[in-house]
Amino acid sequence: MKYPLQSALLGCLYAVCGLAAWVLRVVGWRRGLVRRHLDRCLPEAGAAGRRRVAKSFYSHLGQLTAEVVAQGFLKPEAIADRVRIENPEVILRVLAAPNGRVLILSSHHANWEWLLQRCSGAFDEPLTAAWKPTRKPALNRLLCWWRQRSGCQMVRAKELVPYLLAQRGKVRLLAMLADQSPSIKNQQQAWIDFFGQPTAFFRGPGWIGAKMGYSVFLAAMHRERRGHYVVRFVELAPAGARAEPEQILAAYSESLERHVRRYPDQYFWAYNRWKREKPLYA
């Protein structure tokens, strides 16, 4: 076994966080929100099927928490051993072109933190990633330190476009978490169908892909067993395809929905994704 001490520490975290997740399920932490989301998004699963997904979601939450905390001591090489990329050649092929640029869109599915770590060292190209700060400065500093250990350059989401313009095409590998919900005051948002209902998305990922010459891919990640993941890249829009921002976002939401339906318990249903309805004149 590689990295036996780190694996043992991770095992202890799984036990502690698994127990904590079980307690959260028993006391009903965000139970109503999880059930409401599953009722809206997976009606075809039936009541019993949705209950199984909800139960498995809390187990996933415990494992995810353990793995995020473990970033504090896991070496990037150890994470790379635990995250297998099925088709790295589709990214490498684009980057091999003289002006090839890749935008990887991820989501709140499986373990997006380990995905970032894995992509940072997988393609022999520096990775830049957008991030949205929390309201806790200490947590922001910790998360940035964890994420940048493998060489990733973190840029605040609201500063990303000016940063890319200032770099004049030097950022060839870019990653964004694209299923976050914009606030009601945000002017740069688009309403796209997601699980059969109008859903607000930030326009930024679609705009960058459409206007800045990036080939856009969804990173479809799932857990194959505890502590081990598989990633498959799904092309959403090749560079030069003349796609509009909303077309890229629609392709993202469709591909992500198909992926979540295959592995529904690994989506973060406790995030209040549908907290508001589409305005009448949006």
Protein backbone atom coordinates (compact mmCIF):
# COMPACT_ATOMS: atom_id res chain seq x y z
CA MET A 1 0.00 0.00 0.00
CA LYS A 2 1.31 3.45 -0.93
CA TYR A 3 1.39 6.13 1.77
CA PRO A 4 0.33 3.81 4.64
CA LEU A 5 0.39 6.48 7.36
CA GLN A 6 -1.68 8.90 5.32
CA SER A 7 -4.13 6.10 4.47
CA ALA A 8 -4.45 5.22 8.16
CA LEU A 9 -5.15 8.84 9.09
CA LEU A 10 -7.73 9.07 6.31
CA GLY A 11 -9.36 5.89 7.62
CA CYS A 12 -9.70 7.49 11.06
CA LEU A 13 -11.29 10.55 9.48
CA TYR A 14 -13.74 8.35 7.60
CA ALA A 15 -14.83 6.80 10.90
CA VAL A 16 -15.24 10.13 12.70
CA CYS A 17 -16.92 11.98 9.83
CA GLY A 18 -19.08 8.96 9.00
CA LEU A 19 -20.44 8.96 12.55
CA ALA A 20 -21.03 12.72 12.38
CA ALA A 21 -22.91 12.33 9.08
CA TRP A 22 -25.06 9.58 10.60
CA VAL A 23 -25.93 11.92 13.47
CA LEU A 24 -26.83 14.67 11.01
CA ARG A 25 -29.15 12.29 9.19
CA VAL A 26 -30.78 11.13 12.41
CA VAL A 27 -31.36 14.66 13.74
CA GLY A 28 -32.58 15.77 10.31
CA TRP A 29 -29.96 18.33 9.26
CA ARG A 30 -31.35 19.89 6.05
CA ARG A 31 -33.60 16.87 5.68
CA GLY A 32 -36.49 18.93 4.33
CA LEU A 33 -34.27 20.64 1.75
CA VAL A 34 -32.75 17.34 0.57
CA ARG A 35 -36.18 15.72 0.27
CA ARG A 36 -37.60 18.72 -1.58
CA HIS A 37 -34.76 18.68 -4.10
CA LEU A 38 -35.04 14.94 -4.65
CA ASP A 39 -38.83 15.18 -5.05
CA ARG A 40 -38.42 17.89 -7.69
CA CYS A 41 -35.49 16.35 -9.56
CA LEU A 42 -36.04 12.59 -9.31
CA PRO A 43 -39.82 12.02 -9.29
CA GLU A 44 -39.41 8.91 -11.45
CA ALA A 45 -37.33 7.22 -8.72
CA GLY A 46 -40.40 6.79 -6.51
CA ALA A 47 -40.64 7.55 -2.81
CA ALA A 48 -38.64 4.49 -1.75
CA GLY A 49 -35.92 5.21 -4.31
CA ARG A 50 -35.60 8.80 -3.17
CA ARG A 51 -35.32 7.70 0.45
CA ARG A 52 -32.42 5.41 -0.51
CA VAL A 53 -30.72 8.26 -2.36
CA ALA A 54 -31.17 10.58 0.64
CA LYS A 55 -29.70 7.98 3.01
CA SER A 56 -26.74 7.39 0.72
CA PHE A 57 -26.25 11.13 0.34
CA TYR A 58 -25.51 11.52 4.06
CA SER A 59 -22.99 8.68 3.84
CA HIS A 60 -21.39 10.47 0.88
CA LEU A 61 -21.34 13.70 2.91
CA GLY A 62 -19.33 12.00 5.65
CA GLN A 63 -16.80 10.63 3.17
CA LEU A 64 -16.54 13.97 1.37
CA THR A 65 -15.92 15.83 4.64
CA ALA A 66 -13.19 13.37 5.62
CA GLU A 67 -11.49 13.73 2.25
CA VAL A 68 -11.61 17.53 2.26
CA VAL A 69 -10.08 17.66 5.74
CA ALA A 70 -7.47 15.10 4.64
CA GLN A 71 -6.13 17.57 2.09
CA GLY A 72 -4.22 19.06 5.01
CA PHE A 73 -1.88 16.07 5.15
CA LEU A 74 -2.37 14.09 1.94
CA LYS A 75 0.38 14.62 -0.60
CA PRO A 76 -0.76 15.61 -4.11
CA GLU A 77 0.78 12.34 -5.32
CA ALA A 78 -1.46 10.40 -2.93
CA ILE A 79 -4.55 12.17 -4.26
CA ALA A 80 -3.40 11.48 -7.83
CA ASP A 81 -3.28 7.76 -6.99
CA ARG A 82 -6.89 7.97 -5.82
CA VAL A 83 -8.33 9.90 -8.78
CA ARG A 84 -8.11 8.11 -12.12
CA ILE A 85 -8.69 10.02 -15.34
CA GLU A 86 -10.27 7.85 -18.02
CA ASN A 87 -9.53 9.97 -21.08
CA PRO A 88 -6.73 12.49 -20.46
CA GLU A 89 -5.92 12.39 -24.16
CA VAL A 90 -8.90 14.63 -25.04
CA ILE A 91 -7.40 17.44 -22.94
CA LEU A 92 -3.82 16.77 -24.02
CA ARG A 93 -4.87 16.86 -27.67
CA VAL A 94 -6.23 20.40 -27.34
CA LEU A 95 -3.24 21.61 -25.32
CA ALA A 96 -0.85 20.19 -27.91
CA ALA A 97 -2.09 22.75 -30.45
CA PRO A 98 -0.10 26.03 -30.50
CA ASN A 99 -3.06 28.15 -29.35
CA GLY A 100 -5.06 25.41 -27.64
CA ARG A 101 -6.85 26.38 -24.46
CA VAL A 102 -9.07 24.24 -22.22
CA LEU A 103 -11.83 25.27 -19.83
CA ILE A 104 -12.82 22.49 -17.40
CA LEU A 105 -16.25 22.94 -15.83
CA SER A 106 -16.87 20.99 -12.62
CA SER A 107 -19.81 20.81 -10.21
CA HIS A 108 -20.86 20.00 -6.67
CA HIS A 109 -20.70 16.29 -7.46
CA ALA A 110 -18.38 13.61 -6.04
CA ASN A 111 -15.24 15.37 -4.69
CA TRP A 112 -14.56 18.62 -6.52
CA GLU A 113 -11.64 19.46 -4.21
CA TRP A 114 -9.71 16.31 -5.15
CA LEU A 115 -10.64 16.91 -8.77
CA LEU A 116 -8.91 20.29 -8.65
CA GLN A 117 -5.82 18.75 -7.06
CA ARG A 118 -5.71 16.01 -9.70
CA CYS A 119 -6.10 18.35 -12.67
CA SER A 120 -3.36 20.61 -11.29
CA GLY A 121 -0.70 18.03 -12.07
CA ALA A 122 -2.23 15.89 -14.80
CA PHE A 123 -1.50 17.78 -18.01
CA ASP A 124 1.96 19.39 -17.68
CA GLU A 125 0.28 22.78 -17.90
CA PRO A 126 -0.28 25.26 -15.03
CA LEU A 127 -3.90 25.25 -13.89
CA THR A 128 -5.79 28.42 -13.02
CA ALA A 129 -9.04 28.05 -11.09
CA ALA A 130 -11.79 30.49 -10.19
CA TRP A 131 -13.03 30.54 -6.62
CA LYS A 132 -15.75 32.30 -4.67
CA PRO A 133 -14.73 33.34 -1.13
CA THR A 134 -16.78 32.34 1.89
CA ARG A 135 -17.72 34.78 4.63
CA LYS A 136 -14.94 33.42 6.87
CA PRO A 137 -11.47 34.84 6.05
CA ALA A 138 -9.64 32.13 8.01
CA LEU A 139 -11.44 29.40 6.04
CA ASN A 140 -10.62 31.20 2.78
CA ARG A 141 -6.93 31.24 3.61
CA LEU A 142 -6.98 27.56 4.52
CA LEU A 143 -8.84 26.51 1.38
CA CYS A 144 -6.52 28.54 -0.84
CA TRP A 145 -3.47 26.99 0.82
CA TRP A 146 -4.86 23.49 0.31
CA ARG A 147 -5.76 24.16 -3.31
CA GLN A 148 -2.49 25.83 -4.24
CA ARG A 149 -0.22 23.16 -2.77
CA SER A 150 -0.18 21.32 -6.07
CA GLY A 151 0.62 24.46 -8.07
CA CYS A 152 -2.88 25.69 -8.91
CA GLN A 153 -3.30 29.46 -9.29
CA MET A 154 -6.47 30.62 -7.55
CA VAL A 155 -8.26 33.73 -8.86
CA ARG A 156 -11.43 35.25 -7.40
CA ALA A 157 -14.36 34.63 -9.71
CA LYS A 158 -15.30 38.31 -9.97
CA GLU A 159 -11.72 39.14 -11.01
CA LEU A 160 -11.30 36.28 -13.47
CA VAL A 161 -12.13 37.97 -16.79
CA PRO A 162 -9.82 40.98 -16.16
CA TYR A 163 -7.12 38.52 -15.08
CA LEU A 164 -7.47 36.47 -18.27
CA LEU A 165 -7.39 39.60 -20.42
CA ALA A 166 -4.26 40.84 -18.64
CA GLN A 167 -2.57 37.48 -19.23
CA ARG A 168 -3.13 37.85 -23.00
CA GLY A 169 -3.87 34.21 -23.73
CA LYS A 170 -1.22 32.74 -21.41
CA VAL A 171 -3.80 30.85 -19.30
CA ARG A 172 -4.20 27.65 -21.30
CA LEU A 173 -5.82 25.46 -18.62
CA LEU A 174 -8.71 26.91 -16.62
CA ALA A 175 -11.17 25.34 -14.17
CA MET A 176 -14.47 26.66 -12.85
CA LEU A 177 -17.19 25.31 -10.55
CA ALA A 178 -20.13 26.14 -12.81
CA ASP A 179 -23.28 25.04 -10.94
CA GLN A 180 -23.24 27.71 -8.25
CA SER A 181 -26.29 29.91 -7.84
CA PRO A 182 -25.96 33.66 -8.55
CA SER A 183 -27.61 36.15 -6.26
CA ILE A 184 -30.76 37.94 -7.31
CA LYS A 185 -28.76 41.17 -7.77
CA ASN A 186 -26.22 39.62 -10.12
CA GLN A 187 -26.69 40.94 -13.65
CA GLN A 188 -24.58 38.26 -15.34
CA GLN A 189 -26.86 35.25 -15.07
CA ALA A 190 -28.82 33.06 -17.43
CA TRP A 191 -31.83 30.82 -16.82
CA ILE A 192 -31.23 27.30 -18.15
CA ASP A 193 -33.34 24.14 -17.73
CA PHE A 194 -31.76 21.81 -15.16
CA PHE A 195 -33.69 18.74 -14.02
CA GLY A 196 -36.72 20.03 -15.89
CA GLN A 197 -36.92 23.38 -14.13
CA PRO A 198 -35.60 26.87 -14.91
CA THR A 199 -32.37 27.34 -12.98
CA ALA A 200 -30.09 30.38 -12.64
CA PHE A 201 -26.47 29.96 -13.75
CA PHE A 202 -23.59 32.41 -13.82
CA ARG A 203 -23.00 33.45 -17.45
CA GLY A 204 -19.23 33.66 -16.89
CA PRO A 205 -18.29 30.07 -17.81
CA GLY A 206 -20.36 30.24 -21.00
CA TRP A 207 -19.02 33.68 -21.92
CA ILE A 208 -15.38 32.70 -21.39
CA GLY A 209 -15.81 29.55 -23.45
CA ALA A 210 -17.63 31.34 -26.26
CA LYS A 211 -15.62 34.58 -26.45
CA MET A 212 -12.08 33.71 -25.33
CA GLY A 213 -11.22 30.70 -27.48
CA TYR A 214 -11.44 27.88 -24.96
CA SER A 215 -12.49 24.32 -25.70
CA VAL A 216 -14.99 23.53 -22.95
CA PHE A 217 -15.27 20.20 -21.12
CA LEU A 218 -17.37 18.87 -18.27
CA ALA A 219 -15.37 16.92 -15.70
CA ALA A 220 -17.78 14.05 -14.93
CA MET A 221 -16.46 12.55 -11.69
CA HIS A 222 -17.83 9.73 -9.55
CA ARG A 223 -16.68 7.56 -6.66
CA GLU A 224 -16.00 3.96 -7.66
CA ARG A 225 -15.17 2.90 -4.08
CA ARG A 226 -14.37 4.66 -0.83
CA GLY A 227 -11.51 7.08 -1.36
CA HIS A 228 -11.16 6.36 -5.08
CA TYR A 229 -12.68 8.29 -7.98
CA VAL A 230 -12.92 8.20 -11.75
CA VAL A 231 -13.04 11.27 -14.00
CA ARG A 232 -14.25 11.35 -17.59
CA PHE A 233 -14.06 14.53 -19.67
CA VAL A 234 -17.10 15.30 -21.82
CA GLU A 235 -16.64 17.85 -24.60
CA LEU A 236 -19.26 20.59 -24.49
CA ALA A 237 -17.96 23.02 -27.10
CA PRO A 238 -14.71 22.94 -29.11
CA ALA A 239 -12.88 26.20 -29.64
CA GLY A 240 -14.10 27.98 -32.75
CA ALA A 241 -17.52 26.33 -32.67
CA ARG A 242 -19.22 29.77 -32.62
CA ALA A 243 -21.38 28.67 -29.70
CA GLU A 244 -23.24 31.32 -27.71
CA PRO A 245 -22.71 31.49 -23.92
CA GLU A 246 -26.21 30.13 -23.25
CA GLN A 247 -25.58 27.20 -25.61
CA ILE A 248 -22.49 26.21 -23.65
CA LEU A 249 -24.37 26.51 -20.37
CA ALA A 250 -27.23 24.42 -21.77
CA ALA A 251 -24.79 21.72 -22.90
CA TYR A 252 -23.20 21.80 -19.44
CA SER A 253 -26.52 21.46 -17.61
CA GLU A 254 -27.69 18.61 -19.87
CA SER A 255 -24.45 16.65 -19.51
CA LEU A 256 -24.29 17.27 -15.77
CA GLU A 257 -27.91 16.19 -15.31
CA ARG A 258 -27.27 12.91 -17.14
CA HIS A 259 -24.23 12.29 -14.95
CA VAL A 260 -26.03 13.11 -11.69
CA ARG A 261 -28.87 10.77 -12.64
CA ARG A 262 -26.33 7.93 -12.91
CA TYR A 263 -24.83 8.71 -9.49
CA PRO A 264 -27.53 10.70 -7.66
CA ASP A 265 -26.29 10.14 -4.11
CA GLN A 266 -23.00 11.94 -4.89
CA TYR A 267 -24.60 15.29 -5.74
CA PHE A 268 -24.69 17.94 -3.02
CA TRP A 269 -28.45 18.03 -2.51
CA ALA A 270 -28.07 20.02 0.72
CA TYR A 271 -27.05 23.10 -1.30
CA ASN A 272 -30.09 25.34 -1.82
CA ARG A 273 -29.79 25.38 -5.62
CA TRP A 274 -33.42 26.32 -6.37
CA LYS A 275 -33.92 29.01 -3.75
CA ARG A 276 -35.76 31.33 -6.15
CA GLU A 277 -37.99 31.11 -9.17
CA LYS A 278 -37.32 32.58 -12.59
CA PRO A 279 -38.57 36.20 -12.82
CA LEU A 280 -41.49 36.72 -15.14
CA TYR A 281 -39.53 38.88 -17.62
CA ALA A 282 -36.07 37.26 -17.34
